Protein backbone atom coordinates (compact mmCIF):
# COMPACT_ATOMS: atom_id res chain seq x y z
CA MET A 1 -21.93 -103.21 17.83
CA ALA A 2 -24.56 -100.49 17.63
CA PHE A 3 -25.81 -98.13 14.94
CA PHE A 4 -27.95 -95.03 15.47
CA LYS A 5 -29.93 -92.72 13.20
CA PRO A 6 -31.94 -89.85 14.72
CA ASP A 7 -35.69 -90.04 14.16
CA GLU A 8 -38.93 -88.87 15.77
CA GLU A 9 -39.82 -92.25 17.26
CA LEU A 10 -37.89 -95.00 18.98
CA LYS A 11 -37.31 -98.15 16.92
CA LEU A 12 -35.05 -101.00 17.96
CA ALA A 13 -33.63 -103.92 15.98
CA PHE A 14 -31.52 -106.79 17.33
CA VAL A 15 -29.41 -108.83 14.92
CA THR A 16 -27.53 -112.07 15.48
CA SER A 17 -25.70 -114.10 12.88
CA LYS A 18 -25.00 -117.80 12.73
CA LYS A 19 -21.48 -117.02 13.96
CA ILE A 20 -23.02 -116.71 17.44
CA GLY A 21 -24.00 -120.37 17.42
CA ASN A 22 -27.16 -122.42 17.13
CA ALA A 23 -30.70 -121.03 17.48
CA VAL A 24 -30.68 -121.31 21.27
CA GLN A 25 -27.48 -119.28 21.57
CA ARG A 26 -28.68 -116.67 19.06
CA ASN A 27 -31.95 -116.23 20.95
CA LYS A 28 -30.06 -115.91 24.24
CA ALA A 29 -27.87 -113.23 22.69
CA ARG A 30 -30.92 -111.30 21.44
CA ARG A 31 -32.58 -111.56 24.87
CA ARG A 32 -29.45 -110.22 26.55
CA LEU A 33 -29.21 -107.33 24.08
CA ARG A 34 -32.88 -106.51 24.51
CA ALA A 35 -32.64 -106.57 28.32
CA PHE A 36 -29.69 -104.17 28.37
CA VAL A 37 -31.18 -101.75 25.87
CA LEU A 38 -34.58 -101.67 27.56
CA SER A 39 -32.90 -100.86 30.88
CA TYR A 40 -31.64 -97.65 29.20
CA GLU A 41 -34.87 -96.96 27.30
CA ASN A 42 -35.80 -93.81 29.29
CA ASN A 43 -32.28 -92.35 29.01
CA ILE A 44 -31.63 -92.57 25.27
CA LYS A 45 -32.64 -90.29 22.43
CA THR A 46 -35.40 -91.28 20.05
CA GLY A 47 -34.25 -92.74 16.77
CA LYS A 48 -33.59 -95.93 14.91
CA TYR A 49 -31.17 -98.33 16.57
CA ILE A 50 -29.62 -101.51 15.25
CA PHE A 51 -27.75 -103.70 17.74
CA VAL A 52 -25.56 -106.46 16.34
CA ALA A 53 -24.48 -109.26 18.68
CA LYS A 54 -20.87 -110.31 18.52
CA GLU A 55 -19.55 -113.82 19.15
CA LYS A 56 -18.46 -113.20 22.77
CA ILE A 57 -21.80 -111.86 24.07
CA ASN A 58 -22.88 -115.13 25.69
CA GLU A 59 -19.47 -115.62 27.32
CA ASN A 60 -19.18 -112.23 29.05
CA ASP A 61 -20.67 -111.53 32.46
CA PHE A 62 -23.25 -108.85 33.30
CA ASP A 63 -20.74 -106.23 34.50
CA LYS A 64 -18.58 -106.51 31.36
CA LEU A 65 -21.63 -106.16 29.10
CA LYS A 66 -22.91 -103.16 31.06
CA LYS A 67 -19.50 -101.49 30.73
CA ASP A 68 -19.50 -102.17 26.97
CA PHE A 69 -23.01 -100.74 26.58
CA ASN A 70 -22.09 -97.58 28.50
CA PHE A 71 -19.03 -97.13 26.29
CA ALA A 72 -21.02 -97.67 23.07
CA PHE A 73 -23.83 -95.32 24.10
CA LYS A 74 -21.39 -92.57 25.11
CA ARG A 75 -19.50 -92.98 21.86
CA LEU A 76 -22.72 -92.72 19.85
CA GLU A 77 -23.74 -89.69 21.98
CA ILE A 78 -27.28 -90.97 22.42
CA PHE A 79 -27.85 -90.25 26.12
CA LYS A 80 -30.42 -87.49 26.78
């Protein structure tokens, strides 16, 4: 899940709840989110972003997550 609010500078926040699992699983989920978002860093508009990890993030493979990120970013209309 992703939220976007236009702003003059780029700010990112990554949120995981205890529904994801223990601390190791939550940290893994945040690392995966951060890696995907930073790969798009030069292609997205500046603003405030909040990315919320869902329960299935650690179970999905790279291609599925990339497809989900592309869909979310297009839906939010945040590509430059």
